[in-house]
Amino acid sequence: MAKVVAIPPQSKACTTVYVKFHDDFRPGDGGKLPGLSSTGLGREHTAKPELIDGVPYPNSGWGGRKADGVHWSARTGFGGWTDDRVSMHTYFYPRTPRQTFGIADPLGSVKKEAWTAYVQCIKLNTPGEPDGSLFYETLEDGPVYSRSDIVWRDRDVPESMIREMWINIYCGGTNCGPNPRGTISFAAAVITKGRPDMKAIKAEVARLNALDH
């Protein structure tokens, strides 16, 4: 599924995503999971560029469309499956450092056939300065990623704020392995202003797993 939901613009936020990878996954390209963003796709009229001080800014910051100083994204990636685990990685499009298809750094792995959760936190940079951050915490391993040298944006405008939740569960690259393609269940994505209570997250994951048995 793919959907970008508008949220109130903010300079820092965390999201907790509850997912379950089923055991029909086989080695393949992997895909994308939910994350925070500001691509312009959460607007009602997404086909029109955003006009900022008379300058048009088309939607960008995902899918090979480089971040432009206003638009950026920070989805999460998965891939590298074994018989019982699925690897996860970052997948973010900042202004700098810059790569054509996003920055993929490892986040460890999670078990198949069990509900789990990951927490993603973003703090925007001072416009043009390399002081933005990206943080991840997983239920199994605790804090697994922290970076504080990111330029998400060059412009101090509402359009460059954290203003979208990209609720995207996407297969590809090109494929998710041989048919049948792997199945992912998605329960919720919860947005908070600060890091959430991990005890509450563990309790919710335990509840979801109990419902499956």
N, C-alpha and C. Protein backbone atom coordinates (compact mmCIF):
# COMPACT_ATOMS: atom_id res chain seq x y z
N MET A 1 0.84 -1.18 0.00
CA MET A 1 0.00 0.00 0.00
C MET A 1 0.88 1.24 0.00
N ALA A 2 0.35 2.36 -0.46
CA ALA A 2 1.13 3.60 -0.47
C ALA A 2 0.20 4.77 -0.19
N LYS A 3 0.51 5.50 0.86
CA LYS A 3 -0.30 6.66 1.19
C LYS A 3 0.54 7.64 1.98
N VAL A 4 0.43 8.93 1.65
CA VAL A 4 1.13 9.98 2.36
C VAL A 4 0.07 10.82 3.07
N VAL A 5 0.17 10.92 4.39
CA VAL A 5 -0.83 11.60 5.21
C VAL A 5 -0.23 12.89 5.76
N ALA A 6 -0.95 13.99 5.61
CA ALA A 6 -0.49 15.27 6.16
C ALA A 6 -0.62 15.26 7.68
N ILE A 7 0.39 15.83 8.36
CA ILE A 7 0.37 16.00 9.81
C ILE A 7 0.71 17.47 10.12
N PRO A 8 0.44 17.95 11.33
CA PRO A 8 0.79 19.34 11.66
C PRO A 8 2.29 19.57 11.50
N PRO A 9 2.72 20.64 10.83
CA PRO A 9 4.15 20.90 10.64
C PRO A 9 4.87 21.06 11.97
N GLN A 10 6.04 20.45 12.08
CA GLN A 10 6.83 20.49 13.31
C GLN A 10 8.31 20.31 12.99
N SER A 11 9.15 20.74 13.90
CA SER A 11 10.59 20.68 13.65
C SER A 11 11.25 19.42 14.19
N LYS A 12 10.56 18.73 15.10
CA LYS A 12 11.05 17.43 15.57
C LYS A 12 9.87 16.55 15.91
N ALA A 13 10.03 15.24 15.66
CA ALA A 13 8.94 14.31 15.90
C ALA A 13 9.50 12.89 15.87
N CYS A 14 8.76 11.98 16.50
CA CYS A 14 9.07 10.55 16.44
C CYS A 14 7.83 9.82 15.95
N THR A 15 8.04 8.69 15.29
CA THR A 15 6.94 7.81 14.95
C THR A 15 7.29 6.39 15.37
N THR A 16 6.31 5.70 15.91
CA THR A 16 6.44 4.29 16.26
C THR A 16 5.59 3.48 15.29
N VAL A 17 6.22 2.54 14.61
CA VAL A 17 5.54 1.76 13.57
C VAL A 17 5.48 0.29 14.01
N TYR A 18 4.28 -0.28 13.97
CA TYR A 18 4.05 -1.67 14.38
C TYR A 18 3.86 -2.53 13.12
N VAL A 19 4.76 -3.50 12.92
CA VAL A 19 4.72 -4.33 11.71
C VAL A 19 4.99 -5.79 12.06
N LYS A 20 4.61 -6.66 11.11
CA LYS A 20 4.89 -8.10 11.23
C LYS A 20 5.28 -8.63 9.87
N PHE A 21 6.47 -9.21 9.77
CA PHE A 21 6.93 -9.86 8.55
C PHE A 21 6.56 -11.35 8.63
N HIS A 22 5.84 -11.83 7.65
CA HIS A 22 5.41 -13.23 7.66
C HIS A 22 6.48 -14.13 7.08
N ASP A 23 6.32 -15.44 7.23
CA ASP A 23 7.39 -16.37 6.88
C ASP A 23 7.43 -16.73 5.40
N ASP A 24 6.61 -16.05 4.55
CA ASP A 24 6.66 -16.34 3.12
C ASP A 24 7.70 -15.49 2.40
N PHE A 25 8.51 -14.72 3.13
CA PHE A 25 9.58 -13.94 2.51
C PHE A 25 10.72 -14.84 2.10
N ARG A 26 11.32 -14.55 0.96
CA ARG A 26 12.53 -15.22 0.49
C ARG A 26 13.52 -14.13 0.08
N PRO A 27 14.82 -14.45 -0.11
CA PRO A 27 15.78 -13.42 -0.50
C PRO A 27 15.34 -12.66 -1.75
N GLY A 28 15.48 -11.36 -1.72
CA GLY A 28 15.06 -10.52 -2.84
C GLY A 28 15.50 -9.10 -2.63
N ASP A 29 14.91 -8.17 -3.34
CA ASP A 29 15.31 -6.77 -3.28
C ASP A 29 14.97 -6.09 -1.97
N GLY A 30 13.89 -6.48 -1.36
CA GLY A 30 13.40 -5.75 -0.19
C GLY A 30 12.41 -4.68 -0.58
N GLY A 31 12.23 -3.71 0.30
CA GLY A 31 11.25 -2.68 0.02
C GLY A 31 11.27 -1.58 1.07
N LYS A 32 10.18 -0.85 1.15
CA LYS A 32 10.10 0.35 1.99
C LYS A 32 9.00 0.21 3.03
N LEU A 33 9.21 0.88 4.16
CA LEU A 33 8.28 0.91 5.28
C LEU A 33 7.96 2.36 5.64
N PRO A 34 7.00 2.59 6.54
CA PRO A 34 6.61 3.96 6.87
C PRO A 34 7.72 4.81 7.48
N GLY A 35 7.58 6.13 7.33
CA GLY A 35 8.51 7.09 7.92
C GLY A 35 7.99 8.52 7.73
N LEU A 36 8.65 9.45 8.38
CA LEU A 36 8.30 10.87 8.32
C LEU A 36 8.90 11.53 7.09
N SER A 37 8.28 12.62 6.62
CA SER A 37 8.77 13.22 5.39
C SER A 37 8.21 14.63 5.19
N SER A 38 8.71 15.26 4.11
CA SER A 38 8.15 16.50 3.58
C SER A 38 8.41 16.53 2.08
N THR A 39 7.70 15.69 1.35
CA THR A 39 7.92 15.56 -0.09
C THR A 39 6.98 16.44 -0.91
N GLY A 40 5.92 16.93 -0.28
CA GLY A 40 4.88 17.65 -1.01
C GLY A 40 3.72 16.77 -1.41
N LEU A 41 3.85 15.44 -1.20
CA LEU A 41 2.81 14.51 -1.63
C LEU A 41 1.61 14.46 -0.69
N GLY A 42 1.73 15.09 0.48
CA GLY A 42 0.61 15.11 1.41
C GLY A 42 -0.38 16.22 1.12
N ARG A 43 -0.13 17.01 0.08
CA ARG A 43 -1.03 18.12 -0.26
C ARG A 43 -2.24 17.64 -1.04
N GLU A 44 -3.28 18.47 -1.07
CA GLU A 44 -4.49 18.11 -1.81
C GLU A 44 -4.24 18.10 -3.32
N HIS A 45 -3.49 19.10 -3.81
CA HIS A 45 -3.22 19.19 -5.25
C HIS A 45 -1.73 18.89 -5.47
N THR A 46 -1.40 17.60 -5.48
CA THR A 46 0.00 17.19 -5.48
C THR A 46 0.68 17.38 -6.84
N ALA A 47 -0.10 17.53 -7.90
CA ALA A 47 0.51 17.65 -9.23
C ALA A 47 1.15 19.02 -9.44
N LYS A 48 0.73 20.02 -8.68
CA LYS A 48 1.25 21.38 -8.85
C LYS A 48 2.49 21.58 -7.99
N PRO A 49 3.54 22.19 -8.53
CA PRO A 49 4.69 22.55 -7.68
C PRO A 49 4.27 23.51 -6.57
N GLU A 50 4.99 23.48 -5.48
CA GLU A 50 4.75 24.44 -4.41
C GLU A 50 5.49 25.73 -4.75
N LEU A 51 4.80 26.85 -4.67
CA LEU A 51 5.38 28.15 -5.00
C LEU A 51 5.85 28.81 -3.71
N ILE A 52 7.17 29.00 -3.58
CA ILE A 52 7.75 29.58 -2.37
C ILE A 52 8.57 30.80 -2.77
N ASP A 53 8.14 31.98 -2.36
CA ASP A 53 8.79 33.24 -2.74
C ASP A 53 8.94 33.35 -4.25
N GLY A 54 7.91 32.91 -4.96
CA GLY A 54 7.89 33.00 -6.42
C GLY A 54 8.66 31.90 -7.14
N VAL A 55 9.27 30.98 -6.40
CA VAL A 55 10.05 29.90 -7.00
C VAL A 55 9.26 28.60 -6.91
N PRO A 56 9.05 27.87 -8.03
CA PRO A 56 8.31 26.61 -7.98
C PRO A 56 9.21 25.46 -7.48
N TYR A 57 8.68 24.69 -6.55
CA TYR A 57 9.38 23.52 -6.02
C TYR A 57 8.51 22.29 -6.27
N PRO A 58 8.79 21.51 -7.33
CA PRO A 58 8.03 20.28 -7.55
C PRO A 58 8.27 19.28 -6.42
N ASN A 59 7.33 18.35 -6.26
CA ASN A 59 7.49 17.29 -5.27
C ASN A 59 8.81 16.57 -5.52
N SER A 60 9.55 16.29 -4.44
CA SER A 60 10.84 15.60 -4.59
C SER A 60 11.26 15.05 -3.25
N GLY A 61 12.44 14.42 -3.23
CA GLY A 61 12.96 13.84 -2.02
C GLY A 61 12.60 12.37 -1.85
N TRP A 62 12.30 11.69 -2.95
CA TRP A 62 12.03 10.24 -2.92
C TRP A 62 12.14 9.72 -4.35
N GLY A 63 12.31 8.40 -4.52
CA GLY A 63 12.24 7.76 -5.83
C GLY A 63 13.20 8.30 -6.85
N GLY A 64 14.44 8.63 -6.45
CA GLY A 64 15.42 9.19 -7.37
C GLY A 64 15.29 10.68 -7.58
N ARG A 65 14.29 11.32 -6.94
CA ARG A 65 14.12 12.78 -7.01
C ARG A 65 14.84 13.39 -5.81
N LYS A 66 15.98 13.99 -6.03
CA LYS A 66 16.83 14.45 -4.94
C LYS A 66 16.15 15.53 -4.11
N ALA A 67 16.50 15.57 -2.82
CA ALA A 67 16.03 16.63 -1.94
C ALA A 67 16.47 17.98 -2.50
N ASP A 68 15.58 18.98 -2.39
CA ASP A 68 15.83 20.26 -3.07
C ASP A 68 16.00 21.44 -2.12
N GLY A 69 16.19 21.17 -0.83
CA GLY A 69 16.30 22.25 0.14
C GLY A 69 14.99 22.53 0.86
N VAL A 70 13.88 22.03 0.30
CA VAL A 70 12.56 22.13 0.91
C VAL A 70 12.00 20.72 1.16
N HIS A 71 12.05 19.89 0.12
CA HIS A 71 11.48 18.55 0.18
C HIS A 71 12.54 17.52 0.54
N TRP A 72 12.15 16.54 1.34
CA TRP A 72 13.03 15.47 1.80
C TRP A 72 12.14 14.32 2.29
N SER A 73 12.74 13.16 2.55
CA SER A 73 11.97 12.06 3.14
C SER A 73 12.88 11.18 3.98
N ALA A 74 12.25 10.41 4.88
CA ALA A 74 12.98 9.46 5.73
C ALA A 74 12.12 8.22 5.94
N ARG A 75 11.89 7.49 4.85
CA ARG A 75 11.25 6.18 5.02
C ARG A 75 12.24 5.19 5.62
N THR A 76 11.80 3.98 5.85
CA THR A 76 12.63 2.91 6.39
C THR A 76 12.63 1.77 5.38
N GLY A 77 13.75 1.03 5.30
CA GLY A 77 13.86 -0.04 4.33
C GLY A 77 13.98 -1.41 4.98
N PHE A 78 13.67 -2.45 4.20
CA PHE A 78 13.86 -3.82 4.66
C PHE A 78 14.42 -4.67 3.53
N GLY A 79 15.04 -5.81 3.90
CA GLY A 79 15.61 -6.72 2.91
C GLY A 79 16.63 -7.62 3.58
N GLY A 80 17.34 -8.44 2.81
CA GLY A 80 18.35 -9.31 3.37
C GLY A 80 17.77 -10.39 4.27
N TRP A 81 16.79 -11.14 3.77
CA TRP A 81 16.08 -12.09 4.61
C TRP A 81 16.84 -13.40 4.78
N THR A 82 16.66 -14.02 5.95
CA THR A 82 17.09 -15.40 6.20
C THR A 82 15.83 -16.21 6.46
N ASP A 83 15.99 -17.46 6.90
CA ASP A 83 14.82 -18.29 7.15
C ASP A 83 13.92 -17.72 8.24
N ASP A 84 14.53 -17.02 9.23
CA ASP A 84 13.71 -16.57 10.35
C ASP A 84 13.84 -15.09 10.69
N ARG A 85 14.60 -14.31 9.90
CA ARG A 85 14.78 -12.89 10.23
C ARG A 85 14.75 -12.04 8.96
N VAL A 86 14.45 -10.75 9.14
CA VAL A 86 14.46 -9.77 8.05
C VAL A 86 15.32 -8.59 8.48
N SER A 87 16.28 -8.22 7.64
CA SER A 87 17.13 -7.06 7.94
C SER A 87 16.39 -5.77 7.64
N MET A 88 16.74 -4.72 8.39
CA MET A 88 16.16 -3.40 8.17
C MET A 88 17.26 -2.37 7.98
N HIS A 89 16.93 -1.25 7.33
CA HIS A 89 17.92 -0.20 7.10
C HIS A 89 17.21 1.15 6.96
N THR A 90 17.99 2.22 7.11
CA THR A 90 17.46 3.56 6.84
C THR A 90 17.20 3.69 5.34
N TYR A 91 16.37 4.64 4.98
CA TYR A 91 16.20 4.99 3.57
C TYR A 91 15.77 6.45 3.52
N PHE A 92 16.77 7.35 3.59
CA PHE A 92 16.42 8.76 3.71
C PHE A 92 17.08 9.60 2.63
N TYR A 93 16.35 10.65 2.23
CA TYR A 93 16.76 11.59 1.20
C TYR A 93 16.96 12.97 1.83
N PRO A 94 18.17 13.28 2.31
CA PRO A 94 18.43 14.62 2.83
C PRO A 94 19.02 15.51 1.75
N ARG A 95 19.17 16.78 2.07
CA ARG A 95 19.87 17.70 1.16
C ARG A 95 21.35 17.31 1.07
N THR A 96 21.98 17.09 2.23
CA THR A 96 23.32 16.52 2.31
C THR A 96 23.40 15.66 3.57
N PRO A 97 24.15 14.53 3.52
CA PRO A 97 24.83 13.97 2.35
C PRO A 97 23.82 13.52 1.30
N ARG A 98 24.25 13.51 0.05
CA ARG A 98 23.32 13.35 -1.05
C ARG A 98 23.65 12.11 -1.87
N GLN A 99 22.63 11.29 -2.13
CA GLN A 99 22.76 10.15 -3.03
C GLN A 99 21.51 10.08 -3.88
N THR A 100 21.63 9.47 -5.06
CA THR A 100 20.51 9.46 -6.00
C THR A 100 19.31 8.71 -5.45
N PHE A 101 19.55 7.56 -4.81
CA PHE A 101 18.43 6.73 -4.38
C PHE A 101 18.36 6.56 -2.87
N GLY A 102 18.70 7.59 -2.11
CA GLY A 102 18.54 7.53 -0.67
C GLY A 102 19.71 6.87 0.03
N ILE A 103 19.82 7.11 1.33
CA ILE A 103 20.94 6.60 2.13
C ILE A 103 20.44 5.41 2.93
N ALA A 104 21.08 4.27 2.72
CA ALA A 104 20.67 3.02 3.37
C ALA A 104 21.77 2.56 4.32
N ASP A 105 21.56 2.79 5.61
CA ASP A 105 22.47 2.32 6.66
C ASP A 105 21.78 1.23 7.46
N PRO A 106 22.52 0.21 7.92
CA PRO A 106 21.88 -0.94 8.59
C PRO A 106 21.26 -0.58 9.93
N LEU A 107 20.14 -1.27 10.24
CA LEU A 107 19.43 -1.10 11.51
C LEU A 107 19.25 -2.42 12.25
N GLY A 108 20.02 -3.45 11.87
CA GLY A 108 19.84 -4.76 12.48
C GLY A 108 18.74 -5.55 11.81
N SER A 109 18.17 -6.52 12.53
CA SER A 109 17.14 -7.37 11.94
C SER A 109 16.06 -7.69 12.96
N VAL A 110 14.92 -8.17 12.46
CA VAL A 110 13.79 -8.53 13.32
C VAL A 110 13.32 -9.93 12.95
N LYS A 111 12.60 -10.57 13.87
CA LYS A 111 12.10 -11.92 13.65
C LYS A 111 10.91 -11.92 12.69
N LYS A 112 10.83 -12.97 11.88
CA LYS A 112 9.61 -13.20 11.11
C LYS A 112 8.54 -13.81 12.01
N GLU A 113 7.31 -13.71 11.55
CA GLU A 113 6.16 -14.34 12.20
C GLU A 113 5.92 -13.85 13.62
N ALA A 114 6.29 -12.60 13.89
CA ALA A 114 6.01 -12.00 15.19
C ALA A 114 5.85 -10.49 15.01
N TRP A 115 4.89 -9.90 15.71
CA TRP A 115 4.76 -8.46 15.69
C TRP A 115 5.97 -7.81 16.34
N THR A 116 6.41 -6.69 15.79
CA THR A 116 7.51 -5.93 16.36
C THR A 116 7.23 -4.45 16.13
N ALA A 117 8.13 -3.60 16.58
CA ALA A 117 7.96 -2.16 16.39
C ALA A 117 9.32 -1.50 16.28
N TYR A 118 9.36 -0.43 15.49
CA TYR A 118 10.56 0.41 15.46
C TYR A 118 10.14 1.87 15.67
N VAL A 119 11.06 2.62 16.28
CA VAL A 119 10.85 4.04 16.54
C VAL A 119 11.82 4.83 15.68
N GLN A 120 11.30 5.81 14.96
CA GLN A 120 12.11 6.73 14.15
C GLN A 120 11.91 8.14 14.68
N CYS A 121 13.00 8.84 14.95
CA CYS A 121 12.92 10.23 15.41
C CYS A 121 13.74 11.13 14.49
N ILE A 122 13.18 12.29 14.18
CA ILE A 122 13.86 13.28 13.32
C ILE A 122 13.86 14.63 14.03
N LYS A 123 14.98 15.31 13.97
CA LYS A 123 15.06 16.72 14.34
C LYS A 123 15.59 17.47 13.13
N LEU A 124 14.85 18.46 12.67
CA LEU A 124 15.29 19.22 11.51
C LEU A 124 16.52 20.07 11.84
N ASN A 125 17.29 20.34 10.81
CA ASN A 125 18.49 21.18 10.97
C ASN A 125 18.14 22.66 10.95
N THR A 126 19.04 23.47 11.51
CA THR A 126 19.02 24.90 11.24
C THR A 126 19.21 25.06 9.75
N PRO A 127 18.34 25.78 9.03
CA PRO A 127 18.42 25.81 7.58
C PRO A 127 19.84 26.04 7.06
N GLY A 128 20.31 25.08 6.26
CA GLY A 128 21.63 25.16 5.65
C GLY A 128 22.77 24.62 6.50
N GLU A 129 22.50 24.34 7.78
CA GLU A 129 23.55 23.89 8.69
C GLU A 129 23.46 22.37 8.90
N PRO A 130 24.61 21.68 9.05
CA PRO A 130 24.60 20.22 9.21
C PRO A 130 24.37 19.80 10.65
N ASP A 131 23.22 20.16 11.22
CA ASP A 131 22.94 19.83 12.61
C ASP A 131 21.59 19.13 12.79
N GLY A 132 21.05 18.57 11.72
CA GLY A 132 19.83 17.78 11.82
C GLY A 132 20.14 16.36 12.24
N SER A 133 19.15 15.67 12.77
CA SER A 133 19.41 14.33 13.28
C SER A 133 18.37 13.31 12.82
N LEU A 134 18.80 12.04 12.87
CA LEU A 134 17.95 10.89 12.60
C LEU A 134 18.32 9.80 13.60
N PHE A 135 17.30 9.23 14.27
CA PHE A 135 17.52 8.26 15.34
C PHE A 135 16.55 7.11 15.15
N TYR A 136 17.01 5.88 15.41
CA TYR A 136 16.15 4.70 15.39
C TYR A 136 16.35 3.88 16.65
N GLU A 137 15.25 3.31 17.11
CA GLU A 137 15.27 2.35 18.20
C GLU A 137 14.34 1.21 17.83
N THR A 138 14.81 -0.04 18.05
CA THR A 138 13.96 -1.20 17.77
C THR A 138 13.61 -1.89 19.07
N LEU A 139 12.52 -2.65 19.03
CA LEU A 139 12.05 -3.32 20.22
C LEU A 139 13.05 -4.36 20.71
N GLU A 140 13.69 -5.06 19.78
CA GLU A 140 14.60 -6.13 20.15
C GLU A 140 15.96 -5.62 20.63
N ASP A 141 16.48 -4.57 19.99
CA ASP A 141 17.88 -4.19 20.20
C ASP A 141 18.08 -2.83 20.85
N GLY A 142 17.01 -2.09 21.13
CA GLY A 142 17.17 -0.76 21.69
C GLY A 142 17.66 0.23 20.65
N PRO A 143 18.37 1.29 21.06
CA PRO A 143 18.89 2.27 20.08
C PRO A 143 19.86 1.58 19.10
N VAL A 144 19.60 1.73 17.81
CA VAL A 144 20.42 1.07 16.80
C VAL A 144 21.04 2.06 15.81
N TYR A 145 20.62 3.33 15.84
CA TYR A 145 21.13 4.28 14.85
C TYR A 145 20.97 5.70 15.38
N SER A 146 22.02 6.50 15.23
CA SER A 146 21.95 7.90 15.63
C SER A 146 22.92 8.70 14.77
N ARG A 147 22.38 9.71 14.13
CA ARG A 147 23.21 10.57 13.27
C ARG A 147 22.76 12.01 13.47
N SER A 148 23.72 12.92 13.61
CA SER A 148 23.37 14.31 13.92
C SER A 148 24.09 15.32 13.04
N ASP A 149 24.40 14.93 11.80
CA ASP A 149 25.12 15.81 10.88
C ASP A 149 24.36 16.02 9.57
N ILE A 150 23.04 15.94 9.63
CA ILE A 150 22.24 15.91 8.41
C ILE A 150 21.70 17.30 8.07
N VAL A 151 21.76 17.66 6.80
CA VAL A 151 21.06 18.84 6.28
C VAL A 151 19.78 18.34 5.61
N TRP A 152 18.66 18.47 6.30
CA TRP A 152 17.38 18.11 5.71
C TRP A 152 16.88 19.21 4.76
N ARG A 153 17.19 20.48 5.09
CA ARG A 153 16.57 21.60 4.36
C ARG A 153 17.52 22.80 4.32
N ASP A 154 17.31 23.64 3.32
CA ASP A 154 18.02 24.93 3.21
C ASP A 154 17.11 26.10 3.54
N ARG A 155 15.79 25.91 3.40
CA ARG A 155 14.83 26.99 3.54
C ARG A 155 14.08 26.89 4.87
N ASP A 156 13.96 28.00 5.58
CA ASP A 156 13.19 28.06 6.81
C ASP A 156 11.77 28.49 6.47
N VAL A 157 11.01 27.55 5.93
CA VAL A 157 9.65 27.80 5.49
C VAL A 157 8.77 26.64 5.98
N PRO A 158 7.45 26.88 6.13
CA PRO A 158 6.57 25.79 6.60
C PRO A 158 6.64 24.54 5.72
N GLU A 159 6.89 24.74 4.43
CA GLU A 159 6.91 23.61 3.50
C GLU A 159 8.09 22.66 3.76
N SER A 160 9.12 23.11 4.48
CA SER A 160 10.29 22.26 4.75
C SER A 160 10.20 21.53 6.08
N MET A 161 9.12 21.75 6.84
CA MET A 161 8.97 21.14 8.15
C MET A 161 8.59 19.66 8.02
N ILE A 162 8.66 18.93 9.14
CA ILE A 162 8.10 17.58 9.19
C ILE A 162 6.59 17.75 9.08
N ARG A 163 5.99 17.32 7.96
CA ARG A 163 4.57 17.61 7.76
C ARG A 163 3.81 16.45 7.13
N GLU A 164 4.48 15.29 6.99
CA GLU A 164 3.83 14.12 6.40
C GLU A 164 4.23 12.86 7.16
N MET A 165 3.33 11.92 7.17
CA MET A 165 3.65 10.54 7.54
C MET A 165 3.45 9.69 6.31
N TRP A 166 4.57 9.18 5.80
CA TRP A 166 4.50 8.35 4.60
C TRP A 166 4.19 6.93 5.03
N ILE A 167 2.93 6.53 4.98
CA ILE A 167 2.51 5.18 5.37
C ILE A 167 2.63 4.30 4.13
N ASN A 168 3.85 3.86 3.89
CA ASN A 168 4.17 3.17 2.64
C ASN A 168 4.77 1.81 2.96
N ILE A 169 4.12 0.75 2.51
CA ILE A 169 4.71 -0.58 2.54
C ILE A 169 4.83 -1.02 1.10
N TYR A 170 6.07 -1.06 0.62
CA TYR A 170 6.34 -1.10 -0.82
C TYR A 170 7.36 -2.18 -1.14
N CYS A 171 7.08 -2.97 -2.14
CA CYS A 171 7.98 -4.03 -2.59
C CYS A 171 8.83 -3.50 -3.75
N GLY A 172 10.16 -3.49 -3.60
CA GLY A 172 11.01 -3.07 -4.69
C GLY A 172 12.08 -2.12 -4.21
N GLY A 173 12.94 -1.54 -5.10
CA GLY A 173 13.43 -2.04 -6.34
C GLY A 173 12.50 -2.68 -7.35
N THR A 174 12.83 -3.94 -7.64
CA THR A 174 12.17 -4.62 -8.74
C THR A 174 11.27 -5.75 -8.28
N ASN A 175 11.63 -6.48 -7.22
CA ASN A 175 10.78 -7.56 -6.76
C ASN A 175 11.12 -7.93 -5.33
N CYS A 176 10.27 -8.71 -4.72
CA CYS A 176 10.51 -9.19 -3.35
C CYS A 176 10.78 -10.68 -3.35
N GLY A 177 11.48 -11.18 -4.35
CA GLY A 177 11.81 -12.60 -4.40
C GLY A 177 10.79 -13.36 -5.21
N PRO A 178 10.92 -14.69 -5.26
CA PRO A 178 10.01 -15.52 -6.07
C PRO A 178 8.60 -15.51 -5.52
N ASN A 179 7.63 -15.76 -6.39
CA ASN A 179 6.23 -15.82 -5.97
C ASN A 179 6.02 -17.00 -5.02
N PRO A 180 5.15 -16.90 -3.97
CA PRO A 180 4.42 -15.68 -3.65
C PRO A 180 5.30 -14.66 -2.97
N ARG A 181 5.08 -13.40 -3.28
CA ARG A 181 5.84 -12.34 -2.63
C ARG A 181 5.51 -12.31 -1.14
N GLY A 182 6.46 -11.80 -0.35
CA GLY A 182 6.30 -11.81 1.09
C GLY A 182 5.14 -10.94 1.56
N THR A 183 4.59 -11.30 2.70
CA THR A 183 3.46 -10.61 3.29
C THR A 183 3.91 -9.82 4.51
N ILE A 184 3.44 -8.59 4.62
CA ILE A 184 3.69 -7.75 5.79
C ILE A 184 2.35 -7.30 6.34
N SER A 185 2.18 -7.44 7.65
CA SER A 185 1.01 -6.88 8.32
C SER A 185 1.42 -5.56 8.99
N PHE A 186 0.51 -4.60 8.96
CA PHE A 186 0.75 -3.26 9.52
C PHE A 186 -0.37 -2.95 10.49
N ALA A 187 -0.02 -2.60 11.75
CA ALA A 187 -1.05 -2.34 12.75
C ALA A 187 -1.28 -0.86 12.96
N ALA A 188 -0.21 -0.06 13.05
CA ALA A 188 -0.39 1.36 13.36
C ALA A 188 0.93 2.10 13.21
N ALA A 189 0.83 3.42 13.05
CA ALA A 189 1.97 4.33 13.14
C ALA A 189 1.55 5.47 14.06
N VAL A 190 2.24 5.62 15.16
CA VAL A 190 1.89 6.61 16.19
C VAL A 190 2.96 7.70 16.21
N ILE A 191 2.54 8.96 16.14
CA ILE A 191 3.47 10.09 16.11
C ILE A 191 3.48 10.77 17.47
N THR A 192 4.67 11.03 17.99
CA THR A 192 4.85 11.73 19.26
C THR A 192 5.87 12.85 19.08
N LYS A 193 5.84 13.83 19.98
CA LYS A 193 6.79 14.94 19.90
C LYS A 193 8.18 14.53 20.39
N GLY A 194 8.24 13.56 21.31
CA GLY A 194 9.51 13.07 21.83
C GLY A 194 9.57 11.56 21.75
N ARG A 195 10.67 10.99 22.27
CA ARG A 195 10.79 9.55 22.25
C ARG A 195 9.70 8.91 23.10
N PRO A 196 9.05 7.88 22.57
CA PRO A 196 7.93 7.28 23.28
C PRO A 196 8.40 6.36 24.41
N ASP A 197 7.44 5.90 25.19
CA ASP A 197 7.68 4.99 26.30
C ASP A 197 7.84 3.57 25.75
N MET A 198 9.05 3.01 25.81
CA MET A 198 9.29 1.69 25.24
C MET A 198 8.53 0.60 26.00
N LYS A 199 8.26 0.81 27.29
CA LYS A 199 7.48 -0.18 28.03
C LYS A 199 6.07 -0.28 27.47
N ALA A 200 5.49 0.86 27.10
CA ALA A 200 4.16 0.86 26.52
C ALA A 200 4.18 0.19 25.14
N ILE A 201 5.25 0.41 24.39
CA ILE A 201 5.37 -0.22 23.07
C ILE A 201 5.49 -1.74 23.21
N LYS A 202 6.31 -2.19 24.16
CA LYS A 202 6.44 -3.63 24.40
C LYS A 202 5.11 -4.25 24.79
N ALA A 203 4.34 -3.54 25.60
CA ALA A 203 3.03 -4.04 26.01
C ALA A 203 2.08 -4.15 24.82
N GLU A 204 2.12 -3.16 23.93
CA GLU A 204 1.24 -3.22 22.74
C GLU A 204 1.66 -4.34 21.81
N VAL A 205 2.97 -4.55 21.63
CA VAL A 205 3.44 -5.65 20.79
C VAL A 205 3.05 -7.00 21.40
N ALA A 206 3.15 -7.13 22.71
CA ALA A 206 2.72 -8.36 23.37
C ALA A 206 1.22 -8.60 23.15
N ARG A 207 0.43 -7.53 23.21
CA ARG A 207 -1.02 -7.66 22.96
C ARG A 207 -1.29 -8.13 21.55
N LEU A 208 -0.58 -7.55 20.57
CA LEU A 208 -0.78 -7.94 19.17
C LEU A 208 -0.39 -9.40 18.95
N ASN A 209 0.73 -9.83 19.55
CA ASN A 209 1.15 -11.21 19.39
C ASN A 209 0.17 -12.18 20.07
N ALA A 210 -0.40 -11.76 21.21
CA ALA A 210 -1.37 -12.61 21.89
C ALA A 210 -2.63 -12.80 21.06
N LEU A 211 -3.01 -11.76 20.32
CA LEU A 211 -4.21 -11.88 19.47
C LEU A 211 -4.03 -12.91 18.35
N ASP A 212 -2.75 -13.14 17.95
CA ASP A 212 -2.48 -14.06 16.86
C ASP A 212 -2.40 -15.52 17.32
N HIS A 213 -2.51 -15.73 18.63
CA HIS A 213 -2.36 -17.10 19.14
C HIS A 213 -3.62 -17.54 19.90
